[in-house]
């Protein structure tokens, strides 16, 4: 670092090195990756539990839950793709039939 650098920049860079080096070492450790994996697993379980309670609540009110809406959207998307495929097949068939006449 040049001595001509402003004092504030030298202080920031020194603090960054003092803090950054140990943090970088920590996030590269096996302990960190184990903790992240455990946290993700716990978060997934918690989300699933909350979603289950929410789903039962909406169904108790005879209303669709978010999972129901998601399933319907996926089903409609599959039907849309199938319809597009059938349309292409029909157009190809009509073109072949037109060439036969």
Protein backbone atom coordinates (compact mmCIF):
# COMPACT_ATOMS: atom_id res chain seq x y z
CA UNK A 1 0.00 0.00 0.00
CA UNK A 2 1.37 3.34 -0.94
CA UNK A 3 2.14 5.79 1.84
CA UNK A 4 0.36 8.42 -0.24
CA UNK A 5 -2.99 6.60 0.19
CA UNK A 6 -5.46 8.48 2.40
CA UNK A 7 -5.52 7.55 6.06
CA UNK A 8 -9.14 6.36 5.90
CA UNK A 9 -8.28 3.95 3.06
CA UNK A 10 -5.29 2.55 4.93
CA UNK A 11 -7.49 2.02 8.01
CA UNK A 12 -10.23 0.33 5.99
CA UNK A 13 -7.76 -1.99 4.25
CA UNK A 14 -6.08 -2.89 7.54
CA UNK A 15 -9.48 -3.63 9.15
CA UNK A 16 -10.52 -5.66 6.11
CA UNK A 17 -7.40 -7.81 6.39
CA UNK A 18 -7.84 -8.24 10.15
CA UNK A 19 -11.47 -9.31 9.77
CA UNK A 20 -11.46 -10.82 6.28
CA UNK A 21 -8.68 -13.39 6.72
CA UNK A 22 -10.30 -15.21 9.68
CA UNK A 23 -13.75 -15.01 8.08
CA UNK A 24 -12.46 -16.47 4.81
CA UNK A 25 -10.74 -19.27 6.72
CA UNK A 26 -13.95 -19.99 8.62
CA UNK A 27 -16.17 -20.20 5.54
CA UNK A 28 -13.74 -22.63 3.90
CA UNK A 29 -13.79 -25.00 6.87
CA UNK A 30 -15.64 -28.31 7.12
CA UNK A 31 -17.40 -27.01 10.23
CA UNK A 32 -18.92 -24.17 8.23
CA UNK A 33 -20.20 -26.51 5.50
CA UNK A 34 -21.61 -28.90 8.10
CA UNK A 35 -23.38 -26.00 9.82
CA UNK A 36 -24.81 -24.72 6.51
CA UNK A 37 -26.04 -28.21 5.59
CA UNK A 38 -27.65 -28.61 9.02
CA UNK A 39 -29.25 -25.17 8.77
CA UNK A 40 -30.65 -25.95 5.30
CA UNK A 41 -32.05 -29.27 6.52
CA UNK A 42 -33.64 -27.63 9.56
CA UNK A 43 -35.07 -24.81 7.45
CA UNK A 44 -36.57 -27.35 5.05
CA UNK A 45 -38.18 -29.29 7.89
CA UNK A 46 -39.55 -26.12 9.45
CA UNK A 47 -40.94 -24.92 6.13
CA UNK A 48 -42.55 -28.32 5.55
CA UNK A 49 -44.15 -28.29 8.99
CA UNK A 50 -45.48 -24.76 8.54
CA UNK A 51 -46.74 -25.61 5.05
CA UNK A 52 -48.51 -28.69 6.43
CA UNK A 53 -50.28 -26.69 9.14
CA UNK A 54 -51.19 -23.97 6.66
CA UNK A 55 -52.51 -26.51 4.15
CA UNK A 56 -54.71 -28.18 6.76
CA UNK A 57 -56.02 -24.78 7.84
CA UNK A 58 -56.94 -23.73 4.29
CA UNK A 59 -58.53 -27.11 3.61
CA UNK A 60 -60.52 -26.87 6.87
CA UNK A 61 -61.99 -23.67 5.42
CA UNK A 62 -62.63 -25.52 2.16
CA UNK A 63 -60.12 -23.30 0.34
CA UNK A 64 -57.17 -24.31 -1.83
CA UNK A 65 -53.73 -24.23 -0.27
CA UNK A 66 -50.62 -22.93 -2.00
CA UNK A 67 -49.57 -26.49 -2.83
CA UNK A 68 -52.93 -27.08 -4.52
CA UNK A 69 -52.50 -23.98 -6.65
CA UNK A 70 -48.93 -25.01 -7.52
CA UNK A 71 -50.12 -28.46 -8.60
CA UNK A 72 -52.86 -26.94 -10.75
CA UNK A 73 -50.38 -24.57 -12.41
CA UNK A 74 -48.06 -27.49 -13.19
CA UNK A 75 -50.97 -29.47 -14.60
CA UNK A 76 -52.12 -26.55 -16.78
CA UNK A 77 -48.55 -26.05 -18.02
CA UNK A 78 -48.34 -29.76 -18.99
CA UNK A 79 -51.69 -29.51 -20.78
CA UNK A 80 -50.53 -26.35 -22.57
CA UNK A 81 -47.36 -28.08 -23.80
CA UNK A 82 -49.38 -31.10 -24.91
CA UNK A 83 -51.86 -28.85 -26.74
CA UNK A 84 -48.99 -27.09 -28.54
CA UNK A 85 -47.56 -30.48 -29.57
CA UNK A 86 -50.96 -31.64 -30.83
CA UNK A 87 -51.41 -28.38 -32.77
CA UNK A 88 -48.04 -28.88 -34.48
CA UNK A 89 -48.93 -32.47 -35.31
CA UNK A 90 -52.30 -31.42 -36.73
CA UNK A 91 -50.71 -28.68 -38.84
CA UNK A 92 -48.14 -31.16 -40.19
CA UNK A 93 -50.92 -33.65 -40.97
CA UNK A 94 -52.97 -30.99 -42.77
CA UNK A 95 -49.92 -29.94 -44.81
CA UNK A 96 -49.24 -33.55 -45.83
CA UNK A 97 -52.89 -34.05 -46.70
CA UNK A 98 -52.89 -30.84 -48.74
CA UNK A 99 -49.95 -32.10 -50.78
CA UNK A 100 -51.77 -35.36 -51.49
CA UNK A 101 -54.79 -33.66 -53.07
